Amino acid sequence: MGRRPSPVFQRGSAPIIQTSNFRVDTVDELRDRFDDEYSGYLYSRGLNPTVDILRKKLAALDGAEDCLVFNSGASAIFASVLANVKSGDHIVSVDKPYTGPSACST
């Protein structure tokens, strides 16, 4: 999906939106945003215009309808596992998947 420069600012790349929350005009609009996270921007951690543009571009590159973007590899792995297991399933994992200096014993 190509992106044409903004007719207002004549920029060739998407802007980085640096706000944490977005204004709504009515209580009904706020309800809609809580009911459907893609109905509008509410809080930057979930969805913001910059992430929205990234999702759409990545999906277009892969020929997909949409895609997900995560802030960490652990989040992506968790979402993949969660999407494929159901109640009663068992997950086999190592005892301490996150190790580091504090996990080492001498």
PDB file of N, CA and C in Angstrom:
ATOM      1  N   MET A   1       0.851  -1.164   0.000  1.00  0.00           N
ATOM      2  CA  MET A   1       0.000   0.000   0.000  1.00  0.00           C
ATOM      3  C   MET A   1       0.895   1.224   0.000  1.00  0.00           C
ATOM      4  N   GLY A   2       0.888   1.944  -1.062  1.00  0.00           N
ATOM      5  CA  GLY A   2       1.677   3.160  -1.123  1.00  0.00           C
ATOM      6  C   GLY A   2       1.002   4.270  -0.343  1.00  0.00           C
ATOM      7  N   ARG A   3       1.754   5.234   0.006  1.00  0.00           N
ATOM      8  CA  ARG A   3       1.182   6.363   0.756  1.00  0.00           C
ATOM      9  C   ARG A   3       1.563   7.637   0.031  1.00  0.00           C
ATOM     10  N   ARG A   4       0.563   8.409  -0.316  1.00  0.00           N
ATOM     11  CA  ARG A   4       0.806   9.690  -0.968  1.00  0.00           C
ATOM     12  C   ARG A   4       1.166  10.726   0.090  1.00  0.00           C
ATOM     13  N   PRO A   5       1.985  11.688  -0.259  1.00  0.00           N
ATOM     14  CA  PRO A   5       2.312  12.744   0.704  1.00  0.00           C
ATOM     15  C   PRO A   5       1.053  13.463   1.169  1.00  0.00           C
ATOM     16  N   SER A   6       1.044  13.851   2.417  1.00  0.00           N
ATOM     17  CA  SER A   6      -0.079  14.595   2.977  1.00  0.00           C
ATOM     18  C   SER A   6      -0.260  15.897   2.203  1.00  0.00           C
ATOM     19  N   PRO A   7      -1.487  16.183   1.752  1.00  0.00           N
ATOM     20  CA  PRO A   7      -1.690  17.438   1.013  1.00  0.00           C
ATOM     21  C   PRO A   7      -1.509  18.665   1.906  1.00  0.00           C
ATOM     22  N   VAL A   8      -1.607  18.480   3.221  1.00  0.00           N
ATOM     23  CA  VAL A   8      -1.474  19.609   4.141  1.00  0.00           C
ATOM     24  C   VAL A   8      -0.009  19.926   4.393  1.00  0.00           C
ATOM     25  N   PHE A   9       0.782  18.919   4.740  1.00  0.00           N
ATOM     26  CA  PHE A   9       2.171  19.149   5.130  1.00  0.00           C
ATOM     27  C   PHE A   9       3.179  18.752   4.058  1.00  0.00           C
ATOM     28  N   GLN A  10       2.732  18.142   2.970  1.00  0.00           N
ATOM     29  CA  GLN A  10       3.601  17.698   1.878  1.00  0.00           C
ATOM     30  C   GLN A  10       4.737  16.805   2.366  1.00  0.00           C
ATOM     31  N   ARG A  11       4.463  15.967   3.334  1.00  0.00           N
ATOM     32  CA  ARG A  11       5.488  15.056   3.821  1.00  0.00           C
ATOM     33  C   ARG A  11       5.352  13.705   3.118  1.00  0.00           C
ATOM     34  N   GLY A  12       6.444  13.038   2.938  1.00  0.00           N
ATOM     35  CA  GLY A  12       6.454  11.756   2.243  1.00  0.00           C
ATOM     36  C   GLY A  12       6.322  10.563   3.174  1.00  0.00           C
ATOM     37  N   SER A  13       6.507  10.769   4.459  1.00  0.00           N
ATOM     38  CA  SER A  13       6.365   9.663   5.409  1.00  0.00           C
ATOM     39  C   SER A  13       5.275   9.991   6.414  1.00  0.00           C
ATOM     40  N   ALA A  14       4.784   8.950   7.043  1.00  0.00           N
ATOM     41  CA  ALA A  14       3.698   9.132   8.012  1.00  0.00           C
ATOM     42  C   ALA A  14       4.209   9.864   9.251  1.00  0.00           C
ATOM     43  N   PRO A  15       3.383  10.711   9.838  1.00  0.00           N
ATOM     44  CA  PRO A  15       3.801  11.405  11.061  1.00  0.00           C
ATOM     45  C   PRO A  15       3.812  10.447  12.253  1.00  0.00           C
ATOM     46  N   ILE A  16       4.604  10.738  13.236  1.00  0.00           N
ATOM     47  CA  ILE A  16       4.593   9.985  14.483  1.00  0.00           C
ATOM     48  C   ILE A  16       3.687  10.749  15.444  1.00  0.00           C
ATOM     49  N   ILE A  17       2.592  10.122  15.825  1.00  0.00           N
ATOM     50  CA  ILE A  17       1.624  10.755  16.719  1.00  0.00           C
ATOM     51  C   ILE A  17       2.071  10.501  18.152  1.00  0.00           C
ATOM     52  N   GLN A  18       2.375  11.553  18.882  1.00  0.00           N
ATOM     53  CA  GLN A  18       2.956  11.416  20.218  1.00  0.00           C
ATOM     54  C   GLN A  18       1.987  11.815  21.328  1.00  0.00           C
ATOM     55  N   THR A  19       0.742  11.406  21.221  1.00  0.00           N
ATOM     56  CA  THR A  19      -0.216  11.687  22.280  1.00  0.00           C
ATOM     57  C   THR A  19      -0.577  10.380  22.967  1.00  0.00           C
ATOM     58  N   SER A  20      -0.968  10.452  24.228  1.00  0.00           N
ATOM     59  CA  SER A  20      -1.309   9.220  24.938  1.00  0.00           C
ATOM     60  C   SER A  20      -2.799   8.927  24.904  1.00  0.00           C
ATOM     61  N   ASN A  21      -3.618   9.937  24.761  1.00  0.00           N
ATOM     62  CA  ASN A  21      -5.054   9.690  24.691  1.00  0.00           C
ATOM     63  C   ASN A  21      -5.696  10.638  23.685  1.00  0.00           C
ATOM     64  N   PHE A  22      -6.936  10.323  23.338  1.00  0.00           N
ATOM     65  CA  PHE A  22      -7.630  11.053  22.289  1.00  0.00           C
ATOM     66  C   PHE A  22      -8.978  11.521  22.800  1.00  0.00           C
ATOM     67  N   ARG A  23      -9.434  12.651  22.307  1.00  0.00           N
ATOM     68  CA  ARG A  23     -10.683  13.263  22.747  1.00  0.00           C
ATOM     69  C   ARG A  23     -11.870  12.623  22.045  1.00  0.00           C
ATOM     70  N   VAL A  24     -12.970  12.512  22.757  1.00  0.00           N
ATOM     71  CA  VAL A  24     -14.239  12.100  22.170  1.00  0.00           C
ATOM     72  C   VAL A  24     -15.246  13.207  22.437  1.00  0.00           C
ATOM     73  N   ASP A  25     -16.235  13.328  21.576  1.00  0.00           N
ATOM     74  CA  ASP A  25     -17.206  14.413  21.704  1.00  0.00           C
ATOM     75  C   ASP A  25     -18.450  14.031  22.491  1.00  0.00           C
ATOM     76  N   THR A  26     -18.786  12.732  22.499  1.00  0.00           N
ATOM     77  CA  THR A  26     -20.001  12.302  23.196  1.00  0.00           C
ATOM     78  C   THR A  26     -19.745  11.024  23.975  1.00  0.00           C
ATOM     79  N   VAL A  27     -20.622  10.757  24.923  1.00  0.00           N
ATOM     80  CA  VAL A  27     -20.539   9.513  25.694  1.00  0.00           C
ATOM     81  C   VAL A  27     -20.770   8.318  24.771  1.00  0.00           C
ATOM     82  N   ASP A  28     -21.680   8.457  23.810  1.00  0.00           N
ATOM     83  CA  ASP A  28     -21.932   7.362  22.862  1.00  0.00           C
ATOM     84  C   ASP A  28     -20.686   7.029  22.044  1.00  0.00           C
ATOM     85  N   GLU A  29     -19.951   8.046  21.646  1.00  0.00           N
ATOM     86  CA  GLU A  29     -18.706   7.815  20.900  1.00  0.00           C
ATOM     87  C   GLU A  29     -17.696   7.078  21.772  1.00  0.00           C
ATOM     88  N   LEU A  30     -17.626   7.436  23.047  1.00  0.00           N
ATOM     89  CA  LEU A  30     -16.728   6.743  23.973  1.00  0.00           C
ATOM     90  C   LEU A  30     -17.142   5.284  24.122  1.00  0.00           C
ATOM     91  N   ARG A  31     -18.433   5.033  24.257  1.00  0.00           N
ATOM     92  CA  ARG A  31     -18.931   3.645  24.357  1.00  0.00           C
ATOM     93  C   ARG A  31     -18.553   2.852  23.114  1.00  0.00           C
ATOM     94  N   ASP A  32     -18.733   3.461  21.943  1.00  0.00           N
ATOM     95  CA  ASP A  32     -18.384   2.780  20.687  1.00  0.00           C
ATOM     96  C   ASP A  32     -16.912   2.396  20.660  1.00  0.00           C
ATOM     97  N   ARG A  33     -16.075   3.278  21.127  1.00  0.00           N
ATOM     98  CA  ARG A  33     -14.637   3.000  21.119  1.00  0.00           C
ATOM     99  C   ARG A  33     -14.276   1.892  22.099  1.00  0.00           C
ATOM    100  N   PHE A  34     -14.965   1.827  23.230  1.00  0.00           N
ATOM    101  CA  PHE A  34     -14.716   0.735  24.169  1.00  0.00           C
ATOM    102  C   PHE A  34     -15.258  -0.586  23.633  1.00  0.00           C
ATOM    103  N   ASP A  35     -16.400  -0.535  22.924  1.00  0.00           N
ATOM    104  CA  ASP A  35     -17.007  -1.751  22.378  1.00  0.00           C
ATOM    105  C   ASP A  35     -16.224  -2.318  21.204  1.00  0.00           C
ATOM    106  N   ASP A  36     -15.661  -1.454  20.370  1.00  0.00           N
ATOM    107  CA  ASP A  36     -14.907  -1.888  19.187  1.00  0.00           C
ATOM    108  C   ASP A  36     -13.614  -1.095  19.136  1.00  0.00           C
ATOM    109  N   GLU A  37     -12.521  -1.753  19.492  1.00  0.00           N
ATOM    110  CA  GLU A  37     -11.245  -1.034  19.602  1.00  0.00           C
ATOM    111  C   GLU A  37     -10.778  -0.418  18.290  1.00  0.00           C
ATOM    112  N   TYR A  38     -11.326  -0.859  17.155  1.00  0.00           N
ATOM    113  CA  TYR A  38     -10.920  -0.300  15.877  1.00  0.00           C
ATOM    114  C   TYR A  38     -11.873   0.786  15.377  1.00  0.00           C
ATOM    115  N   SER A  39     -12.862   1.187  16.197  1.00  0.00           N
ATOM    116  CA  SER A  39     -13.815   2.204  15.764  1.00  0.00           C
ATOM    117  C   SER A  39     -13.241   3.618  15.867  1.00  0.00           C
ATOM    118  N   GLY A  40     -12.155   3.778  16.568  1.00  0.00           N
ATOM    119  CA  GLY A  40     -11.525   5.087  16.706  1.00  0.00           C
ATOM    120  C   GLY A  40     -10.379   4.992  17.691  1.00  0.00           C
ATOM    121  N   TYR A  41      -9.641   6.036  17.811  1.00  0.00           N
ATOM    122  CA  TYR A  41      -8.487   6.044  18.700  1.00  0.00           C
ATOM    123  C   TYR A  41      -8.922   6.460  20.100  1.00  0.00           C
ATOM    124  N   LEU A  42      -8.460   5.718  21.099  1.00  0.00           N
ATOM    125  CA  LEU A  42      -8.833   5.993  22.476  1.00  0.00           C
ATOM    126  C   LEU A  42      -7.610   6.223  23.348  1.00  0.00           C
ATOM    127  N   TYR A  43      -6.663   5.296  23.266  1.00  0.00           N
ATOM    128  CA  TYR A  43      -5.462   5.372  24.094  1.00  0.00           C
ATOM    129  C   TYR A  43      -4.308   4.799  23.291  1.00  0.00           C
ATOM    130  N   SER A  44      -3.177   5.464  23.279  1.00  0.00           N
ATOM    131  CA  SER A  44      -2.070   5.117  22.379  1.00  0.00           C
ATOM    132  C   SER A  44      -1.501   3.719  22.565  1.00  0.00           C
ATOM    133  N   ARG A  45      -1.583   3.154  23.756  1.00  0.00           N
ATOM    134  CA  ARG A  45      -1.034   1.808  23.930  1.00  0.00           C
ATOM    135  C   ARG A  45      -1.759   0.784  23.070  1.00  0.00           C
ATOM    136  N   GLY A  46      -3.045   0.979  22.875  1.00  0.00           N
ATOM    137  CA  GLY A  46      -3.810   0.028  22.094  1.00  0.00           C
ATOM    138  C   GLY A  46      -3.739   0.292  20.608  1.00  0.00           C
ATOM    139  N   LEU A  47      -4.040   1.495  20.229  1.00  0.00           N
ATOM    140  CA  LEU A  47      -4.072   1.844  18.811  1.00  0.00           C
ATOM    141  C   LEU A  47      -3.916   3.348  18.699  1.00  0.00           C
ATOM    142  N   ASN A  48      -3.095   3.767  17.797  1.00  0.00           N
ATOM    143  CA  ASN A  48      -2.961   5.184  17.492  1.00  0.00           C
ATOM    144  C   ASN A  48      -2.712   5.316  15.993  1.00  0.00           C
ATOM    145  N   PRO A  49      -2.819   6.500  15.439  1.00  0.00           N
ATOM    146  CA  PRO A  49      -2.671   6.646  13.988  1.00  0.00           C
ATOM    147  C   PRO A  49      -1.345   6.105  13.444  1.00  0.00           C
ATOM    148  N   THR A  50      -0.254   6.272  14.172  1.00  0.00           N
ATOM    149  CA  THR A  50       1.045   5.788  13.702  1.00  0.00           C
ATOM    150  C   THR A  50       1.060   4.264  13.616  1.00  0.00           C
ATOM    151  N   VAL A  51       0.562   3.596  14.650  1.00  0.00           N
ATOM    152  CA  VAL A  51       0.504   2.129  14.660  1.00  0.00           C
ATOM    153  C   VAL A  51      -0.486   1.637  13.609  1.00  0.00           C
ATOM    154  N   ASP A  52      -1.582   2.354  13.434  1.00  0.00           N
ATOM    155  CA  ASP A  52      -2.575   1.992  12.429  1.00  0.00           C
ATOM    156  C   ASP A  52      -1.958   1.991  11.030  1.00  0.00           C
ATOM    157  N   ILE A  53      -1.190   3.012  10.717  1.00  0.00           N
ATOM    158  CA  ILE A  53      -0.514   3.092   9.415  1.00  0.00           C
ATOM    159  C   ILE A  53       0.466   1.925   9.259  1.00  0.00           C
ATOM    160  N   LEU A  54       1.239   1.626  10.314  1.00  0.00           N
ATOM    161  CA  LEU A  54       2.185   0.507  10.270  1.00  0.00           C
ATOM    162  C   LEU A  54       1.463  -0.810  10.014  1.00  0.00           C
ATOM    163  N   ARG A  55       0.364  -1.057  10.742  1.00  0.00           N
ATOM    164  CA  ARG A  55      -0.402  -2.292  10.560  1.00  0.00           C
ATOM    165  C   ARG A  55      -0.871  -2.434   9.117  1.00  0.00           C
ATOM    166  N   LYS A  56      -1.430  -1.367   8.580  1.00  0.00           N
ATOM    167  CA  LYS A  56      -1.964  -1.419   7.217  1.00  0.00           C
ATOM    168  C   LYS A  56      -0.861  -1.642   6.188  1.00  0.00           C
ATOM    169  N   LYS A  57       0.284  -1.011   6.383  1.00  0.00           N
ATOM    170  CA  LYS A  57       1.396  -1.191   5.444  1.00  0.00           C
ATOM    171  C   LYS A  57       1.950  -2.610   5.506  1.00  0.00           C
ATOM    172  N   LEU A  58       2.122  -3.147   6.717  1.00  0.00           N
ATOM    173  CA  LEU A  58       2.631  -4.516   6.858  1.00  0.00           C
ATOM    174  C   LEU A  58       1.651  -5.530   6.266  1.00  0.00           C
ATOM    175  N   ALA A  59       0.364  -5.315   6.500  1.00  0.00           N
ATOM    176  CA  ALA A  59      -0.644  -6.215   5.929  1.00  0.00           C
ATOM    177  C   ALA A  59      -0.601  -6.166   4.408  1.00  0.00           C
ATOM    178  N   ALA A  60      -0.468  -4.968   3.856  1.00  0.00           N
ATOM    179  CA  ALA A  60      -0.413  -4.829   2.392  1.00  0.00           C
ATOM    180  C   ALA A  60       0.814  -5.522   1.817  1.00  0.00           C
ATOM    181  N   LEU A  61       1.942  -5.422   2.502  1.00  0.00           N
ATOM    182  CA  LEU A  61       3.159  -6.090   2.024  1.00  0.00           C
ATOM    183  C   LEU A  61       2.988  -7.604   1.965  1.00  0.00           C
ATOM    184  N   ASP A  62       2.184  -8.140   2.889  1.00  0.00           N
ATOM    185  CA  ASP A  62       1.983  -9.587   2.951  1.00  0.00           C
ATOM    186  C   ASP A  62       0.718 -10.020   2.217  1.00  0.00           C
ATOM    187  N   GLY A  63      -0.025  -9.065   1.670  1.00  0.00           N
ATOM    188  CA  GLY A  63      -1.268  -9.395   0.980  1.00  0.00           C
ATOM    189  C   GLY A  63      -2.359  -9.828   1.947  1.00  0.00           C
ATOM    190  N   ALA A  64      -2.278  -9.383   3.191  1.00  0.00           N
ATOM    191  CA  ALA A  64      -3.245  -9.771   4.223  1.00  0.00           C
ATOM    192  C   ALA A  64      -4.278  -8.666   4.426  1.00  0.00           C
ATOM    193  N   GLU A  65      -5.375  -9.034   5.064  1.00  0.00           N
ATOM    194  CA  GLU A  65      -6.427  -8.067   5.364  1.00  0.00           C
ATOM    195  C   GLU A  65      -6.002  -7.118   6.476  1.00  0.00           C
ATOM    196  N   ASP A  66      -5.289  -7.633   7.459  1.00  0.00           N
ATOM    197  CA  ASP A  66      -4.852  -6.825   8.601  1.00  0.00           C
ATOM    198  C   ASP A  66      -3.700  -7.558   9.264  1.00  0.00           C
ATOM    199  N   CYS A  67      -3.080  -6.930  10.235  1.00  0.00           N
ATOM    200  CA  CYS A  67      -2.026  -7.594  10.992  1.00  0.00           C
ATOM    201  C   CYS A  67      -1.990  -7.028  12.399  1.00  0.00           C
ATOM    202  N   LEU A  68      -1.239  -7.671  13.249  1.00  0.00           N
ATOM    203  CA  LEU A  68      -1.050  -7.203  14.613  1.00  0.00           C
ATOM    204  C   LEU A  68       0.389  -6.763  14.783  1.00  0.00           C
ATOM    205  N   VAL A  69       0.585  -5.736  15.588  1.00  0.00           N
ATOM    206  CA  VAL A  69       1.921  -5.235  15.888  1.00  0.00           C
ATOM    207  C   VAL A  69       2.072  -5.259  17.401  1.00  0.00           C
ATOM    208  N   PHE A  70       3.173  -5.823  17.881  1.00  0.00           N
ATOM    209  CA  PHE A  70       3.399  -5.962  19.316  1.00  0.00           C
ATOM    210  C   PHE A  70       4.613  -5.148  19.740  1.00  0.00           C
ATOM    211  N   ASN A  71       4.633  -4.787  21.027  1.00  0.00           N
ATOM    212  CA  ASN A  71       5.751  -3.992  21.525  1.00  0.00           C
ATOM    213  C   ASN A  71       6.905  -4.848  22.006  1.00  0.00           C
ATOM    214  N   SER A  72       6.743  -6.174  22.007  1.00  0.00           N
ATOM    215  CA  SER A  72       7.840  -7.046  22.407  1.00  0.00           C
ATOM    216  C   SER A  72       7.634  -8.430  21.814  1.00  0.00           C
ATOM    217  N   GLY A  73       8.713  -9.173  21.738  1.00  0.00           N
ATOM    218  CA  GLY A  73       8.624 -10.550  21.265  1.00  0.00           C
ATOM    219  C   GLY A  73       7.807 -11.407  22.210  1.00  0.00           C
ATOM    220  N   ALA A  74       7.927 -11.148  23.511  1.00  0.00           N
ATOM    221  CA  ALA A  74       7.166 -11.920  24.496  1.00  0.00           C
ATOM    222  C   ALA A  74       5.663 -11.722  24.281  1.00  0.00           C
ATOM    223  N   SER A  75       5.261 -10.498  23.966  1.00  0.00           N
ATOM    224  CA  SER A  75       3.844 -10.232  23.702  1.00  0.00           C
ATOM    225  C   SER A  75       3.362 -10.995  22.471  1.00  0.00           C
ATOM    226  N   ALA A  76       4.170 -11.009  21.438  1.00  0.00           N
ATOM    227  CA  ALA A  76       3.808 -11.710  20.206  1.00  0.00           C
ATOM    228  C   ALA A  76       3.694 -13.213  20.454  1.00  0.00           C
ATOM    229  N   ILE A  77       4.637 -13.772  21.210  1.00  0.00           N
ATOM    230  CA  ILE A  77       4.595 -15.208  21.517  1.00  0.00           C
ATOM    231  C   ILE A  77       3.362 -15.524  22.354  1.00  0.00           C
ATOM    232  N   PHE A  78       3.089 -14.706  23.371  1.00  0.00           N
ATOM    233  CA  PHE A  78       1.925 -14.929  24.218  1.00  0.00           C
ATOM    234  C   PHE A  78       0.636 -14.906  23.407  1.00  0.00           C
ATOM    235  N   ALA A  79       0.493 -13.932  22.513  1.00  0.00           N
ATOM    236  CA  ALA A  79      -0.714 -13.828  21.688  1.00  0.00           C
ATOM    237  C   ALA A  79      -0.854 -15.047  20.780  1.00  0.00           C
ATOM    238  N   SER A  80       0.262 -15.535  20.235  1.00  0.00           N
ATOM    239  CA  SER A  80       0.223 -16.717  19.376  1.00  0.00           C
ATOM    240  C   SER A  80      -0.225 -17.948  20.151  1.00  0.00           C
ATOM    241  N   VAL A  81       0.309 -18.113  21.346  1.00  0.00           N
ATOM    242  CA  VAL A  81      -0.081 -19.259  22.174  1.00  0.00           C
ATOM    243  C   VAL A  81      -1.544 -19.128  22.575  1.00  0.00           C
ATOM    244  N   LEU A  82      -1.932 -17.961  23.056  1.00  0.00           N
ATOM    245  CA  LEU A  82      -3.299 -17.739  23.512  1.00  0.00           C
ATOM    246  C   LEU A  82      -4.318 -17.982  22.397  1.00  0.00           C
ATOM    247  N   ALA A  83      -3.963 -17.643  21.167  1.00  0.00           N
ATOM    248  CA  ALA A  83      -4.872 -17.830  20.038  1.00  0.00           C
ATOM    249  C   ALA A  83      -5.044 -19.303  19.670  1.00  0.00           C
ATOM    250  N   ASN A  84      -4.129 -20.160  20.132  1.00  0.00           N
ATOM    251  CA  ASN A  84      -4.160 -21.560  19.711  1.00  0.00           C
ATOM    252  C   ASN A  84      -4.457 -22.555  20.812  1.00  0.00           C
ATOM    253  N   VAL A  85      -4.665 -22.106  22.027  1.00  0.00           N
ATOM    254  CA  VAL A  85      -5.017 -23.029  23.104  1.00  0.00           C
ATOM    255  C   VAL A  85      -6.429 -22.714  23.574  1.00  0.00           C
ATOM    256  N   LYS A  86      -7.050 -23.733  24.145  1.00  0.00           N
ATOM    257  CA  LYS A  86      -8.396 -23.539  24.678  1.00  0.00           C
ATOM    258  C   LYS A  86      -8.462 -24.098  26.090  1.00  0.00           C
ATOM    259  N   SER A  87      -9.522 -23.840  26.764  1.00  0.00           N
ATOM    260  CA  SER A  87      -9.691 -24.298  28.136  1.00  0.00           C
ATOM    261  C   SER A  87      -9.461 -25.805  28.219  1.00  0.00           C
ATOM    262  N   GLY A  88      -8.624 -26.228  29.155  1.00  0.00           N
ATOM    263  CA  GLY A  88      -8.323 -27.639  29.338  1.00  0.00           C
ATOM    264  C   GLY A  88      -7.049 -28.094  28.649  1.00  0.00           C
ATOM    265  N   ASP A  89      -6.520 -27.303  27.714  1.00  0.00           N
ATOM    266  CA  ASP A  89      -5.259 -27.644  27.053  1.00  0.00           C
ATOM    267  C   ASP A  89      -4.107 -27.499  28.049  1.00  0.00           C
ATOM    268  N   HIS A  90      -3.026 -28.182  27.768  1.00  0.00           N
ATOM    269  CA  HIS A  90      -1.839 -28.084  28.600  1.00  0.00           C
ATOM    270  C   HIS A  90      -0.705 -27.489  27.777  1.00  0.00           C
ATOM    271  N   ILE A  91       0.110 -26.685  28.407  1.00  0.00           N
ATOM    272  CA  ILE A  91       1.266 -26.080  27.759  1.00  0.00           C
ATOM    273  C   ILE A  91       2.507 -26.593  28.466  1.00  0.00           C
ATOM    274  N   VAL A  92       3.448 -27.111  27.711  1.00  0.00           N
ATOM    275  CA  VAL A  92       4.704 -27.600  28.280  1.00  0.00           C
ATOM    276  C   VAL A  92       5.742 -26.495  28.134  1.00  0.00           C
ATOM    277  N   SER A  93       6.390 -26.151  29.236  1.00  0.00           N
ATOM    278  CA  SER A  93       7.382 -25.085  29.233  1.00  0.00           C
ATOM    279  C   SER A  93       8.504 -25.440  30.191  1.00  0.00           C
ATOM    280  N   VAL A  94       9.614 -24.761  30.037  1.00  0.00           N
ATOM    281  CA  VAL A  94      10.704 -24.927  30.997  1.00  0.00           C
ATOM    282  C   VAL A  94      10.269 -24.328  32.326  1.00  0.00           C
ATOM    283  N   ASP A  95      10.936 -24.720  33.406  1.00  0.00           N
ATOM    284  CA  ASP A  95      10.559 -24.276  34.742  1.00  0.00           C
ATOM    285  C   ASP A  95      10.722 -22.771  34.916  1.00  0.00           C
ATOM    286  N   LYS A  96      11.821 -22.206  34.419  1.00  0.00           N
ATOM    287  CA  LYS A  96      12.074 -20.769  34.543  1.00  0.00           C
ATOM    288  C   LYS A  96      12.430 -20.207  33.169  1.00  0.00           C
ATOM    289  N   PRO A  97      11.421 -19.797  32.419  1.00  0.00           N
ATOM    290  CA  PRO A  97      11.689 -19.330  31.045  1.00  0.00           C
ATOM    291  C   PRO A  97      12.483 -18.019  30.976  1.00  0.00           C
ATOM    292  N   TYR A  98      12.409 -17.205  32.001  1.00  0.00           N
ATOM    293  CA  TYR A  98      13.130 -15.927  32.004  1.00  0.00           C
ATOM    294  C   TYR A  98      14.257 -16.006  33.033  1.00  0.00           C
ATOM    295  N   THR A  99      15.450 -16.145  32.531  1.00  0.00           N
ATOM    296  CA  THR A  99      16.577 -16.231  33.441  1.00  0.00           C
ATOM    297  C   THR A  99      17.494 -15.038  33.235  1.00  0.00           C
ATOM    298  N   GLY A 100      18.269 -14.772  34.206  1.00  0.00           N
ATOM    299  CA  GLY A 100      19.208 -13.674  34.136  1.00  0.00           C
ATOM    300  C   GLY A 100      20.103 -13.732  35.365  1.00  0.00           C
ATOM    301  N   PRO A 101      20.853 -12.703  35.614  1.00  0.00           N
ATOM    302  CA  PRO A 101      21.771 -12.727  36.753  1.00  0.00           C
ATOM    303  C   PRO A 101      21.094 -13.044  38.080  1.00  0.00           C
ATOM    304  N   SER A 102      19.869 -12.559  38.290  1.00  0.00           N
ATOM    305  CA  SER A 102      19.211 -12.812  39.570  1.00  0.00           C
ATOM    306  C   SER A 102      18.738 -14.251  39.681  1.00  0.00           C
ATOM    307  N   ALA A 103      18.566 -14.951  38.534  1.00  0.00           N
ATOM    308  CA  ALA A 103      18.106 -16.330  38.568  1.00  0.00           C
ATOM    309  C   ALA A 103      19.263 -17.324  38.745  1.00  0.00           C
ATOM    310  N   CYS A 104      20.470 -16.875  38.564  1.00  0.00           N
ATOM    311  CA  CYS A 104      21.628 -17.772  38.672  1.00  0.00           C
ATOM    312  C   CYS A 104      22.006 -17.979  40.135  1.00  0.00           C
ATOM    313  N   SER A 105      22.355 -19.181  40.439  1.00  0.00           N
ATOM    314  CA  SER A 105      22.833 -19.444  41.803  1.00  0.00           C
ATOM    315  C   SER A 105      24.277 -19.895  41.740  1.00  0.00           C
ATOM    316  N   THR A 106      25.028 -19.617  42.808  1.00  0.00           N
ATOM    317  CA  THR A 106      26.444 -19.993  42.824  1.00  0.00           C
ATOM    318  C   THR A 106      26.691 -21.096  43.805  1.00  0.00           C
TER     319      THR A 106
END
